[in-house]
Protein backbone atom coordinates (compact mmCIF):
# COMPACT_ATOMS: atom_id res chain seq x y z
CA MET A 1 -40.60 -7.03 8.77
CA SER A 2 -43.48 -6.66 7.78
CA ALA A 3 -45.94 -8.34 5.13
CA ALA A 4 -45.88 -5.66 2.75
CA TYR A 5 -41.74 -5.58 2.76
CA ILE A 6 -42.18 -9.38 2.05
CA THR A 7 -44.34 -9.29 -0.65
CA ASN A 8 -42.40 -6.64 -2.69
CA TYR A 9 -39.24 -8.44 -2.25
CA SER A 10 -40.85 -11.79 -3.66
CA ASN A 11 -42.11 -10.19 -6.54
CA ASP A 12 -38.95 -8.53 -7.77
CA PHE A 13 -35.79 -9.04 -5.79
CA ALA A 14 -33.19 -11.55 -5.10
CA ILE A 15 -32.13 -9.85 -1.96
CA ASN A 16 -33.62 -6.97 -0.05
CA ALA A 17 -31.85 -5.19 3.21
CA GLU A 18 -32.57 -2.91 5.23
CA LYS A 19 -30.58 -0.71 7.56
CA LEU A 20 -28.24 -3.73 7.19
CA THR A 21 -25.60 -3.13 10.34
CA ARG A 22 -22.53 -5.25 11.69
CA ASN A 23 -20.19 -4.35 14.55
CA PHE A 24 -17.17 -5.95 15.62
CA GLY A 25 -16.64 -4.32 19.34
CA GLN A 26 -16.62 -0.77 18.30
CA LEU A 27 -15.89 -1.26 14.98
CA SER A 28 -18.90 -0.96 12.37
CA ALA A 29 -18.45 -3.14 9.44
CA VAL A 30 -21.34 -2.65 7.44
CA SER A 31 -23.41 0.51 8.32
CA GLU A 32 -27.17 0.84 7.43
CA LEU A 33 -26.43 -0.99 4.30
CA ASP A 34 -29.84 -0.93 1.86
CA LEU A 35 -29.75 -3.14 -0.84
CA GLN A 36 -32.07 -4.42 -3.33
CA VAL A 37 -30.57 -6.89 -6.07
CA GLU A 38 -33.02 -7.53 -9.32
CA LYS A 39 -33.45 -11.24 -10.14
CA GLN A 40 -31.46 -12.47 -13.09
CA THR A 41 -28.81 -9.12 -12.65
CA ILE A 42 -25.14 -9.33 -11.98
CA TYR A 43 -24.78 -6.75 -8.93
CA GLY A 44 -21.44 -5.54 -7.56
CA PHE A 45 -19.80 -4.58 -4.55
CA LEU A 46 -16.47 -2.41 -5.60
CA GLY A 47 -14.54 -1.30 -2.78
CA PRO A 48 -10.82 -1.39 -1.68
CA ASN A 49 -9.94 -3.84 0.90
CA GLY A 50 -11.59 -3.61 4.41
CA SER A 51 -14.54 -1.51 2.75
CA GLY A 52 -17.08 -4.62 4.02
CA LYS A 53 -17.57 -6.20 0.78
CA THR A 54 -16.58 -9.80 2.54
CA THR A 55 -19.01 -8.82 5.67
CA ALA A 56 -21.82 -7.85 4.23
CA ILE A 57 -21.90 -11.01 1.58
CA ARG A 58 -21.41 -13.28 4.94
CA LEU A 59 -24.45 -11.40 6.15
CA LEU A 60 -26.43 -11.72 3.16
CA THR A 61 -25.75 -15.64 3.37
CA GLY A 62 -26.37 -15.92 6.45
CA LEU A 63 -22.68 -16.75 7.74
CA LEU A 64 -23.19 -13.71 9.83
CA LYS A 65 -25.58 -12.49 12.19
CA ALA A 66 -26.47 -8.76 11.92
CA THR A 67 -26.34 -6.19 14.69
CA SER A 68 -29.04 -4.47 13.39
CA GLY A 69 -31.31 -4.43 10.61
CA GLU A 70 -33.53 -6.58 8.07
CA VAL A 71 -32.76 -8.63 5.01
CA ASN A 72 -34.49 -11.11 3.14
CA VAL A 73 -32.71 -13.49 0.24
CA LEU A 74 -34.69 -15.33 -1.68
CA GLY A 75 -37.84 -15.23 0.38
CA CYS A 76 -35.96 -16.65 3.47
CA GLN A 77 -35.72 -14.07 6.40
CA LEU A 78 -32.12 -13.99 8.13
CA PRO A 79 -31.36 -15.25 10.28
CA ARG A 80 -33.95 -17.25 10.98
CA GLU A 81 -34.29 -19.13 7.70
CA SER A 82 -30.72 -19.85 6.86
CA ASN A 83 -30.33 -23.20 6.74
CA LYS A 84 -33.54 -23.16 4.33
CA LEU A 85 -31.62 -20.36 1.76
CA ARG A 86 -27.86 -22.62 1.96
CA LEU A 87 -29.59 -24.99 -0.42
CA LYS A 88 -30.75 -22.00 -2.76
CA ILE A 89 -27.47 -20.20 -3.04
CA GLY A 90 -23.75 -20.94 -3.88
CA TYR A 91 -20.78 -19.38 -2.76
CA MET A 92 -17.46 -19.09 -4.34
CA THR A 93 -15.06 -17.38 -1.38
CA GLN A 94 -11.89 -15.06 -2.17
CA LYS A 95 -9.58 -18.20 -0.93
CA PHE A 96 -9.87 -21.33 -2.91
CA SER A 97 -11.38 -23.52 -0.22
CA LEU A 98 -11.80 -26.81 -1.99
CA TYR A 99 -9.71 -29.86 -0.84
CA ASP A 100 -5.97 -29.84 -2.24
CA ASP A 101 -5.40 -33.57 -1.96
CA LEU A 102 -8.73 -34.76 -3.38
CA THR A 103 -8.92 -34.43 -7.42
CA VAL A 104 -11.12 -32.34 -9.84
CA LYS A 105 -13.86 -34.78 -10.00
CA GLU A 106 -13.62 -36.22 -6.30
CA ASN A 107 -14.15 -32.74 -5.12
CA LEU A 108 -17.14 -32.15 -7.19
CA GLN A 109 -18.43 -35.58 -6.19
CA PHE A 110 -17.99 -34.29 -2.93
CA ILE A 111 -19.94 -30.98 -3.18
CA ALA A 112 -22.62 -33.11 -4.93
CA LYS A 113 -22.80 -35.37 -2.08
CA ILE A 114 -23.66 -32.15 0.16
CA TYR A 115 -26.51 -31.00 -1.62
CA GLY A 116 -28.02 -34.20 -1.89
CA LEU A 117 -27.37 -34.94 -5.47
CA THR A 118 -28.55 -38.69 -6.66
CA PRO A 119 -25.87 -40.73 -8.10
CA ASN A 120 -27.60 -40.75 -11.46
CA GLU A 121 -27.99 -36.33 -11.23
CA GLN A 122 -23.94 -36.25 -9.88
CA LYS A 123 -23.00 -38.04 -12.82
CA ALA A 124 -24.49 -36.07 -15.03
CA ARG A 125 -24.04 -32.59 -13.64
CA LEU A 126 -20.01 -33.51 -13.07
CA SER A 127 -19.64 -34.48 -16.78
CA GLU A 128 -21.65 -31.09 -17.89
CA LEU A 129 -19.57 -29.10 -15.40
CA LEU A 130 -16.40 -30.38 -16.56
CA THR A 131 -16.99 -29.68 -20.17
CA ILE A 132 -18.57 -25.81 -19.32
CA HIS A 133 -15.56 -25.09 -17.53
CA GLN A 134 -13.00 -26.92 -19.27
CA LEU A 135 -11.70 -28.86 -16.90
CA THR A 136 -12.65 -32.16 -18.60
CA LYS A 137 -8.26 -33.04 -19.07
CA GLN A 138 -7.54 -32.25 -15.43
CA ALA A 139 -10.48 -34.25 -13.48
CA LYS A 140 -8.37 -36.83 -12.11
CA GLN A 141 -5.67 -33.84 -11.50
CA LEU A 142 -5.31 -33.08 -7.61
CA ALA A 143 -6.71 -29.91 -7.13
CA GLY A 144 -3.46 -28.50 -5.43
CA SER A 145 -1.43 -28.95 -8.23
CA MET A 146 -4.00 -26.78 -10.60
CA SER A 147 -2.86 -23.17 -11.73
CA GLY A 148 -4.98 -20.38 -10.16
CA GLY A 149 -7.11 -20.21 -13.36
CA GLN A 150 -8.08 -23.96 -13.01
CA LYS A 151 -8.78 -23.79 -9.57
CA GLN A 152 -10.99 -20.53 -9.99
CA ARG A 153 -13.03 -22.84 -12.85
CA LEU A 154 -13.42 -25.43 -10.59
CA ALA A 155 -14.46 -23.04 -7.51
CA LEU A 156 -17.17 -21.88 -9.71
CA ALA A 157 -18.17 -25.19 -10.97
CA ALA A 158 -18.31 -26.40 -7.50
CA ALA A 159 -20.56 -23.32 -6.35
CA VAL A 160 -23.16 -23.87 -9.15
CA ILE A 161 -22.97 -27.83 -9.04
CA HIS A 162 -26.86 -27.76 -7.63
CA LYS A 163 -27.84 -24.75 -9.95
CA PRO A 164 -28.67 -22.40 -7.37
CA LYS A 165 -31.12 -19.40 -8.11
CA LEU A 166 -28.68 -16.33 -6.55
CA LEU A 167 -24.59 -17.01 -7.06
CA PHE A 168 -22.36 -14.89 -4.16
CA LEU A 169 -18.78 -14.08 -5.29
CA ASP A 170 -16.08 -12.86 -3.22
CA GLU A 171 -13.43 -11.12 -5.52
CA PRO A 172 -13.32 -14.31 -7.52
CA THR A 173 -10.73 -13.13 -10.17
CA SER A 174 -7.97 -12.12 -7.46
CA ALA A 175 -5.59 -14.64 -8.08
CA VAL A 176 -5.46 -15.00 -11.87
CA ASP A 177 -4.47 -13.44 -15.09
CA PRO A 178 -6.34 -11.14 -17.53
CA GLN A 179 -7.15 -13.47 -19.94
CA ASN A 180 -8.61 -16.21 -17.26
CA ARG A 181 -10.54 -13.05 -15.82
CA ARG A 182 -12.06 -12.28 -19.48
CA GLU A 183 -13.05 -15.90 -19.81
CA PHE A 184 -14.68 -15.98 -16.04
CA TRP A 185 -17.05 -13.40 -16.95
CA GLU A 186 -18.34 -14.62 -19.91
CA GLN A 187 -19.44 -17.60 -18.00
CA LEU A 188 -21.10 -15.61 -15.11
CA PHE A 189 -23.21 -13.88 -18.12
CA ASP A 190 -24.30 -17.23 -19.44
CA LEU A 191 -25.43 -17.91 -15.73
CA CYS A 192 -27.14 -14.87 -15.33
CA ASP A 193 -28.98 -15.38 -18.91
CA GLN A 194 -29.84 -19.07 -17.55
CA GLY A 195 -31.76 -17.23 -15.25
CA THR A 196 -29.22 -17.06 -12.15
CA THR A 197 -28.56 -13.67 -9.91
CA ILE A 198 -25.05 -12.86 -9.04
CA LEU A 199 -23.53 -10.57 -6.47
CA VAL A 200 -19.79 -10.38 -6.98
CA SER A 201 -17.49 -8.10 -5.04
CA THR A 202 -14.23 -6.67 -7.02
CA HIS A 203 -11.43 -4.05 -6.27
CA TYR A 204 -11.02 -4.11 -10.37
CA MET A 205 -12.84 -1.11 -12.33
CA ASP A 206 -12.99 -3.02 -15.51
CA GLU A 207 -15.23 -5.79 -13.71
CA ALA A 208 -17.39 -3.31 -12.10
CA GLU A 209 -18.45 -1.85 -15.31
CA ARG A 210 -19.38 -5.19 -16.16
CA CYS A 211 -22.13 -5.38 -13.68
CA HIS A 212 -25.63 -4.35 -14.38
CA LYS A 213 -25.42 -2.37 -11.20
CA LEU A 214 -23.50 -1.26 -8.52
CA ALA A 215 -22.83 -0.29 -5.13
CA ILE A 216 -19.55 1.48 -4.31
CA LEU A 217 -18.23 1.10 -0.46
CA GLU A 218 -16.16 2.59 1.82
CA ASN A 219 -15.43 2.09 5.52
CA GLY A 220 -18.78 -0.30 5.81
CA ILE A 221 -20.66 2.53 4.23
CA LYS A 222 -22.42 2.39 1.00
CA ARG A 223 -21.43 5.65 -0.99
CA ALA A 224 -23.49 5.09 -4.28
CA ASP A 225 -25.76 2.80 -6.23
CA ASP A 226 -26.88 2.58 -9.81
CA SER A 227 -25.70 1.24 -13.09
CA PRO A 228 -22.55 2.11 -13.96
CA GLN A 229 -23.19 4.06 -16.76
CA ALA A 230 -25.97 5.70 -14.77
CA LEU A 231 -23.13 6.21 -12.24
CA MET A 232 -20.54 7.76 -14.62
CA SER A 233 -23.17 10.18 -16.25
CA ASN A 234 -24.38 11.52 -13.25
CA LEU A 235 -20.93 12.16 -12.10
CA ALA A 236 -20.89 15.61 -9.66
CA ALA A 237 -17.64 16.58 -11.25
CA GLN A 238 -15.83 17.44 -14.38
CA VAL A 239 -13.09 15.44 -15.84
CA VAL A 240 -10.20 17.48 -17.45
CA GLU A 241 -7.08 15.27 -19.35
CA ILE A 242 -4.04 17.57 -19.05
CA ALA A 243 -0.98 16.82 -21.67
CA ALA A 244 1.83 18.46 -20.26
CA SER A 245 5.78 17.72 -19.61
CA ASP A 246 6.40 17.65 -15.56
CA LEU A 247 3.16 16.08 -14.61
CA ARG A 248 4.39 15.12 -11.30
CA GLN A 249 5.11 18.79 -10.38
CA ILE A 250 1.65 19.94 -12.07
CA LYS A 251 -0.05 17.23 -10.10
CA ASN A 252 1.13 18.63 -6.95
CA SER A 253 0.03 21.79 -7.72
CA LEU A 254 -3.28 21.17 -9.06
CA ILE A 255 -4.42 19.08 -5.81
CA LYS A 256 -3.74 22.01 -3.39
CA LEU A 257 -6.46 23.70 -5.13
CA PRO A 258 -9.86 23.41 -3.10
CA GLN A 259 -12.03 23.22 -6.45
CA VAL A 260 -9.61 20.01 -7.39
CA ILE A 261 -10.91 17.00 -6.40
CA SER A 262 -8.61 14.61 -7.17
CA ALA A 263 -5.94 14.00 -10.12
CA ALA A 264 -3.94 11.06 -11.24
CA GLN A 265 -1.30 10.42 -13.79
CA LEU A 266 -2.20 8.20 -16.18
CA GLY A 267 0.71 7.62 -19.11
CA THR A 268 1.28 10.67 -20.55
CA HIS A 269 -1.54 12.84 -19.24
CA LEU A 270 -2.84 14.15 -16.29
CA ARG A 271 -6.43 13.04 -14.99
CA VAL A 272 -8.10 16.12 -12.57
CA LEU A 273 -11.53 16.13 -11.37
CA VAL A 274 -13.08 19.71 -10.82
CA LYS A 275 -15.69 20.24 -8.92
CA GLU A 276 -19.32 20.34 -10.42
CA GLU A 277 -19.44 24.07 -9.04
CA VAL A 278 -16.61 25.40 -11.66
CA THR A 279 -18.32 26.52 -14.60
CA GLN A 280 -14.88 26.63 -16.59
CA PRO A 281 -12.70 24.17 -15.37
CA ILE A 282 -10.57 24.38 -18.55
CA ALA A 283 -10.12 28.20 -17.55
CA LEU A 284 -9.09 27.62 -13.90
CA LEU A 285 -6.37 25.25 -14.33
CA GLN A 286 -4.82 27.58 -17.15
CA GLN A 287 -4.68 30.30 -14.80
CA GLN A 288 -2.18 28.11 -12.57
CA PRO A 289 1.40 28.82 -12.67
CA CYS A 290 2.58 25.31 -13.27
CA LEU A 291 0.73 25.11 -16.88
CA ASN A 292 2.30 26.57 -19.79
CA PRO A 293 0.55 28.18 -22.46
CA ALA A 294 1.39 25.38 -24.92
CA ASP A 295 0.07 22.58 -22.80
CA GLN A 296 -2.92 20.97 -24.00
CA LEU A 297 -6.46 20.43 -21.52
CA ALA A 298 -9.58 18.94 -22.84
CA ILE A 299 -12.80 17.82 -21.10
CA VAL A 300 -13.11 14.50 -21.47
CA ARG A 301 -15.79 11.55 -20.22
CA PRO A 302 -16.07 10.48 -16.71
CA SER A 303 -14.82 7.02 -15.80
CA LEU A 304 -15.91 4.44 -13.31
CA GLU A 305 -12.58 5.43 -10.94
CA ASP A 306 -13.31 8.92 -11.79
CA VAL A 307 -16.66 8.14 -9.92
CA PHE A 308 -15.13 6.17 -6.67
CA VAL A 309 -13.05 8.48 -5.91
CA SER A 310 -15.21 11.08 -6.29
CA CYS A 311 -18.23 9.46 -3.79
CA THR A 312 -15.41 8.36 -1.20
CA GLY A 313 -12.84 10.83 -1.02
CA ARG A 314 -9.73 8.99 -2.22
CA GLY A 315 -8.52 11.83 -4.51
CA ALA A 316 -5.69 12.72 -2.20
CA THR A 317 -4.10 9.23 -2.38
CA LEU A 318 -3.81 8.88 -6.26
């Protein structure tokens, strides 16, 4: 890694990776990933299971050694400085990884000791975290008996107990209800405002839209990388919404057209992605025998799901 590369990193980025690759035998879990995450932002990995999100996070935390490529996180060159990095980051795994047979307070005390907090620091920090994450009443409750939302709050509290500069979250809301997800994200924005950089993986489109910037991953390859708004604005396709009867039959007919990228039913409407080079997408669709003159067609604003479908080639599965 060149001195110029490290200097550029230290001024602007919490994470800087070039051509980061990890192979497992013949399988390439992460392939030539270029990544720059600005400090004090929330950066998202969006992709389905098997897209490489968890492997990428494990590479960036130093838990996995890359097959090839260069990566610098918080000024630490990996894998050489992995041990140094671990004191600067927090990591919340997809599966609850604290001790079910310890209470909330005991779990936090244990994690605090691992990070070397003094008894006075532990007392002050635990009191603060129990209040912030609404766990004061559960302080003496065994972690194993808690609800999914409570476990999530406890896991986040444990991940930030040492006030890390960079927080990694691997699908942290996959087992909680929408209300808990909303409250969790409010806590993430609070952490970001306080100076923490956050990298979060998700397969929820609404969560991905909350990120400042976003990478869409498929089969270990980064297909797109920008702010959610920019990705939607720059979509290389046009979106037509159809209101009609027998939408399933219409969908099955339209997806056979070479100009159509995908078609997905949303309630009483059909959402159709038409290739960018088609100058009059509504006219094209109205000419199809499956549609009637009375059917209503309109060009609508792209969504992040439209972006995901257009750049990953998953349209035929919708």
